[in-house]
N, C-alpha and C. Protein backbone atom coordinates (compact mmCIF):
# COMPACT_ATOMS: atom_id res chain seq x y z
N MET A 1 8.44 8.05 -0.78
CA MET A 1 7.21 8.43 -1.03
C MET A 1 6.55 7.53 0.20
N ASP A 2 5.46 8.43 0.27
CA ASP A 2 4.50 7.79 1.35
C ASP A 2 3.36 6.82 0.76
N LEU A 3 2.74 6.14 1.43
CA LEU A 3 1.37 5.56 1.54
C LEU A 3 0.26 6.86 0.92
N PHE A 4 0.24 7.92 1.58
CA PHE A 4 -1.05 8.54 0.85
C PHE A 4 -0.55 9.08 -0.74
N GLN A 5 0.68 8.95 -0.99
CA GLN A 5 1.00 9.33 -2.46
C GLN A 5 1.06 8.34 -3.24
N VAL A 6 1.10 7.50 -2.62
CA VAL A 6 0.76 5.94 -3.88
C VAL A 6 -0.84 5.93 -4.00
N LEU A 7 -1.46 6.06 -2.95
CA LEU A 7 -3.09 6.11 -3.10
C LEU A 7 -3.50 7.16 -4.16
N LEU A 8 -2.97 8.57 -4.05
CA LEU A 8 -2.93 9.60 -4.87
C LEU A 8 -2.79 9.52 -6.28
N ASN A 9 -1.87 8.44 -6.53
CA ASN A 9 -1.11 8.14 -7.84
C ASN A 9 -1.22 6.91 -8.37
N ILE A 10 -2.25 5.89 -7.74
CA ILE A 10 -2.58 4.79 -7.87
C ILE A 10 -2.54 4.46 -9.60
N SER A 11 -3.06 5.34 -10.30
CA SER A 11 -3.22 5.28 -11.61
C SER A 11 -1.43 4.98 -12.64
N HIS A 12 -0.42 5.39 -11.83
CA HIS A 12 0.66 5.43 -12.39
C HIS A 12 1.33 4.10 -11.96
N PHE A 13 0.78 3.36 -11.50
CA PHE A 13 1.63 2.13 -10.86
C PHE A 13 0.89 0.80 -11.66
N ASN A 14 1.81 -0.24 -11.88
CA ASN A 14 1.72 -1.17 -12.54
C ASN A 14 0.71 -2.28 -11.74
N GLY A 15 -0.21 -3.26 -12.05
CA GLY A 15 -0.65 -3.90 -11.07
C GLY A 15 -0.18 -5.22 -10.79
N ASN A 16 1.04 -5.34 -11.55
CA ASN A 16 1.79 -6.61 -10.76
C ASN A 16 2.79 -5.91 -9.64
N GLU A 17 2.70 -4.72 -9.36
CA GLU A 17 3.80 -4.62 -8.30
C GLU A 17 3.21 -4.48 -6.93
N THR A 18 3.98 -4.31 -6.03
CA THR A 18 3.47 -4.91 -4.69
C THR A 18 4.03 -3.56 -3.70
N ILE A 19 3.23 -3.23 -2.55
CA ILE A 19 3.67 -2.17 -1.94
C ILE A 19 4.18 -2.51 -0.56
N TYR A 20 5.54 -2.25 -0.08
CA TYR A 20 6.19 -2.49 0.93
C TYR A 20 6.10 -1.29 1.84
N ALA A 21 5.66 -1.24 3.36
CA ALA A 21 5.83 -0.12 4.13
C ALA A 21 6.13 -0.27 5.38
N VAL A 22 6.75 1.06 5.83
CA VAL A 22 7.48 1.21 7.30
C VAL A 22 6.52 1.23 8.13
N GLU A 23 6.37 0.10 9.20
CA GLU A 23 5.45 0.22 10.28
C GLU A 23 5.81 1.22 11.62
N PRO A 24 4.61 1.83 12.02
CA PRO A 24 3.59 1.58 12.02
C PRO A 24 2.85 1.86 10.98
N TRP A 25 1.91 1.72 10.45
CA TRP A 25 1.18 1.84 9.09
C TRP A 25 0.49 3.30 9.36
N THR A 26 0.39 4.16 8.47
CA THR A 26 -0.16 5.65 8.75
C THR A 26 -0.19 5.86 7.27
N PRO A 27 -0.80 7.02 6.71
CA PRO A 27 -0.65 7.68 5.37
C PRO A 27 0.78 8.31 5.11
N GLU A 28 1.20 8.63 6.05
CA GLU A 28 2.60 8.89 6.13
C GLU A 28 3.53 7.87 6.36
N SER A 29 3.46 6.83 6.29
CA SER A 29 4.37 5.70 6.22
C SER A 29 5.24 5.80 4.97
N GLU A 30 6.56 5.38 5.25
CA GLU A 30 7.31 5.55 4.19
C GLU A 30 7.03 4.10 3.30
N VAL A 31 7.37 4.29 2.15
CA VAL A 31 6.83 3.06 1.18
C VAL A 31 7.98 2.81 -0.08
N GLN A 32 7.75 1.69 -0.10
CA GLN A 32 8.72 1.20 -1.67
C GLN A 32 7.66 0.18 -2.52
N VAL A 33 7.41 0.56 -3.69
CA VAL A 33 6.41 -0.07 -4.45
C VAL A 33 7.38 -0.64 -5.80
N ILE A 34 7.50 -1.82 -5.47
CA ILE A 34 8.44 -3.28 -6.67
C ILE A 34 7.57 -3.84 -7.13
N LEU A 35 8.36 -4.62 -8.26
CA LEU A 35 8.03 -6.00 -8.68
C LEU A 35 8.36 -6.77 -7.86
N GLU A 36 7.17 -7.85 -7.52
CA GLU A 36 7.20 -8.87 -6.23
C GLU A 36 8.34 -9.95 -7.05
N PRO A 37 9.33 -10.37 -6.43
CA PRO A 37 9.92 -11.33 -7.19
C PRO A 37 8.98 -12.92 -7.01
N ALA A 38 9.45 -13.88 -7.72
CA ALA A 38 8.64 -15.09 -7.64
C ALA A 38 8.42 -15.39 -6.33
N ALA A 39 9.44 -15.69 -5.69
CA ALA A 39 9.54 -16.34 -4.54
C ALA A 39 8.92 -15.58 -3.55
N GLY A 40 8.55 -14.49 -3.51
CA GLY A 40 7.87 -13.23 -2.75
C GLY A 40 8.69 -13.30 -1.59
N ILE A 41 8.67 -12.15 -1.17
CA ILE A 41 9.37 -11.64 0.07
C ILE A 41 8.48 -10.92 1.27
N ILE A 42 8.47 -11.04 2.29
CA ILE A 42 7.80 -10.52 3.31
C ILE A 42 8.45 -8.84 3.79
N GLN A 43 9.75 -8.55 3.48
CA GLN A 43 10.34 -7.42 4.24
C GLN A 43 11.71 -6.98 3.30
N LEU A 44 11.56 -5.98 3.09
CA LEU A 44 12.74 -5.26 2.57
C LEU A 44 13.82 -4.73 3.78
N ASN A 45 14.86 -4.50 3.55
CA ASN A 45 15.87 -3.65 4.43
C ASN A 45 16.35 -2.87 3.52
N GLN A 46 16.36 -1.62 3.81
CA GLN A 46 17.12 -0.18 3.23
C GLN A 46 17.84 0.16 4.19
N GLY A 47 19.30 0.14 4.76
CA GLY A 47 19.46 0.76 5.94
C GLY A 47 18.97 0.57 6.99
N GLU A 48 18.21 1.49 7.92
CA GLU A 48 18.29 1.21 8.93
C GLU A 48 16.34 1.20 8.73
N LEU A 49 15.96 1.35 7.63
CA LEU A 49 14.25 0.96 6.95
C LEU A 49 14.08 -0.11 6.80
N VAL A 50 12.86 -0.85 7.23
CA VAL A 50 12.68 -2.06 7.17
C VAL A 50 10.91 -2.00 6.69
N PHE A 51 11.10 -2.65 5.59
CA PHE A 51 9.82 -2.61 4.53
C PHE A 51 8.95 -3.77 4.76
N GLU A 52 8.00 -3.80 5.44
CA GLU A 52 7.00 -4.74 5.60
C GLU A 52 5.99 -5.02 4.22
N TYR A 53 5.93 -6.29 3.80
CA TYR A 53 4.59 -6.28 2.78
C TYR A 53 3.72 -5.49 3.30
N PHE A 54 2.86 -4.90 2.58
CA PHE A 54 1.68 -4.17 2.75
C PHE A 54 0.79 -4.92 1.65
N LEU A 55 0.68 -4.14 0.39
CA LEU A 55 -0.35 -4.67 0.12
C LEU A 55 -0.23 -4.98 -1.76
N GLU A 56 -0.90 -5.67 -2.57
CA GLU A 56 -0.43 -5.65 -4.09
C GLU A 56 -1.18 -4.39 -4.84
N ILE A 57 -0.71 -3.98 -5.70
CA ILE A 57 -1.21 -2.59 -6.39
C ILE A 57 -2.62 -3.31 -6.99
N ASP A 58 -2.52 -4.13 -7.75
CA ASP A 58 -3.92 -4.87 -8.24
C ASP A 58 -4.79 -4.99 -7.36
N LEU A 59 -4.82 -5.51 -5.98
CA LEU A 59 -5.83 -5.49 -4.99
C LEU A 59 -6.07 -3.90 -4.62
N LEU A 60 -5.35 -3.15 -4.15
CA LEU A 60 -5.46 -1.84 -3.93
C LEU A 60 -6.15 -1.17 -5.05
N GLN A 61 -6.04 -1.30 -6.17
CA GLN A 61 -7.11 -0.76 -7.37
C GLN A 61 -8.41 -1.07 -7.52
N LYS A 62 -8.23 -2.17 -6.98
CA LYS A 62 -9.73 -3.05 -7.22
C LYS A 62 -10.67 -2.18 -5.83
N MET A 63 -9.87 -2.51 -4.78
CA MET A 63 -10.27 -2.16 -3.37
C MET A 63 -11.19 -0.68 -3.74
N LEU A 64 -10.41 0.54 -4.27
CA LEU A 64 -10.46 1.75 -4.54
C LEU A 64 -11.59 1.65 -5.78
N GLN A 65 -11.94 0.81 -6.45
CA GLN A 65 -12.72 1.09 -7.56
C GLN A 65 -14.05 0.46 -7.24
N ASN A 66 -14.20 -0.54 -5.96
CA ASN A 66 -15.34 -0.86 -5.07
C ASN A 66 -15.60 -0.59 -4.09
N SER A 67 -14.94 0.36 -3.49
CA SER A 67 -15.11 1.09 -2.29
C SER A 67 -16.52 1.62 -1.95
N PRO A 68 -16.94 1.00 -0.83
CA PRO A 68 -17.94 1.65 -0.29
C PRO A 68 -17.74 3.25 0.35
N TYR A 69 -16.49 3.37 0.22
CA TYR A 69 -16.07 4.87 0.87
C TYR A 69 -15.66 6.05 -0.04
N SER A 70 -16.25 5.53 -1.44
CA SER A 70 -15.74 6.49 -2.55
C SER A 70 -16.02 7.83 -2.29
N ASN A 71 -16.88 8.28 -1.47
CA ASN A 71 -17.34 9.54 -1.04
C ASN A 71 -16.67 9.91 0.03
N LEU A 72 -15.45 9.09 0.58
CA LEU A 72 -14.36 9.78 1.39
C LEU A 72 -13.47 10.55 1.05
N CYS A 73 -13.05 11.77 1.77
CA CYS A 73 -11.30 11.83 1.16
C CYS A 73 -10.66 11.08 1.26
N LEU A 74 -9.33 11.27 0.24
CA LEU A 74 -8.63 10.60 -0.20
C LEU A 74 -7.89 9.85 1.28
N ARG A 75 -7.73 11.00 2.32
CA ARG A 75 -6.94 10.32 3.28
C ARG A 75 -7.83 9.29 4.50
N ASP A 76 -9.07 9.81 4.33
CA ASP A 76 -10.13 8.85 4.94
C ASP A 76 -9.90 7.17 4.43
N GLN A 77 -9.99 7.43 2.95
CA GLN A 77 -9.76 6.29 2.23
C GLN A 77 -8.28 5.44 2.65
N CYS A 78 -7.35 6.01 2.76
CA CYS A 78 -5.89 5.44 2.95
C CYS A 78 -6.18 4.84 4.39
N LEU A 79 -6.73 5.55 5.26
CA LEU A 79 -6.95 4.74 6.55
C LEU A 79 -7.62 3.91 6.46
N ARG A 80 -8.57 3.86 5.85
CA ARG A 80 -9.92 2.50 5.80
C ARG A 80 -8.58 1.24 4.96
N VAL A 81 -7.81 1.46 4.10
CA VAL A 81 -7.20 0.59 3.39
C VAL A 81 -6.15 0.45 4.39
N ILE A 82 -5.74 1.00 5.26
CA ILE A 82 -4.81 0.27 6.21
C ILE A 82 -5.15 -0.57 7.26
N GLU A 83 -6.61 0.00 7.66
CA GLU A 83 -7.53 -0.64 8.34
C GLU A 83 -7.79 -2.20 7.80
N TYR A 84 -8.07 -2.30 6.71
CA TYR A 84 -8.23 -3.50 5.70
C TYR A 84 -6.99 -4.56 5.79
N VAL A 85 -6.04 -3.87 5.53
CA VAL A 85 -4.78 -4.61 5.74
C VAL A 85 -4.35 -5.59 7.26
N MET A 86 -4.28 -4.30 8.07
CA MET A 86 -4.39 -4.75 9.46
C MET A 86 -5.27 -6.17 9.78
N GLN A 87 -6.19 -6.29 9.64
CA GLN A 87 -7.49 -6.87 9.64
C GLN A 87 -7.33 -8.20 8.91
N ASN A 88 -6.62 -8.17 7.71
CA ASN A 88 -6.57 -9.37 6.96
C ASN A 88 -5.41 -9.93 6.55
N ALA A 89 -3.98 -9.24 7.65
CA ALA A 89 -2.85 -9.80 7.65
C ALA A 89 -2.51 -11.10 7.88
């Protein structure tokens, strides 16, 4: 699954899940969406892929609901989310 697919299907995810994505972050970045352990983790290693913490689903849902970019196509919204995460990491 990639980041674009997560945004496309955001309503199918639980608010207490977290997105981990392979860098560099693009709409096509491979992602894992998991329940974050209580201790929290920064990265997941699966084979040769390293998934870095990206964003919580509940925060992403709130961002998309209150987005000034709601008139943009989904790909552009995805790019704005990536930009937000990179600036606020």
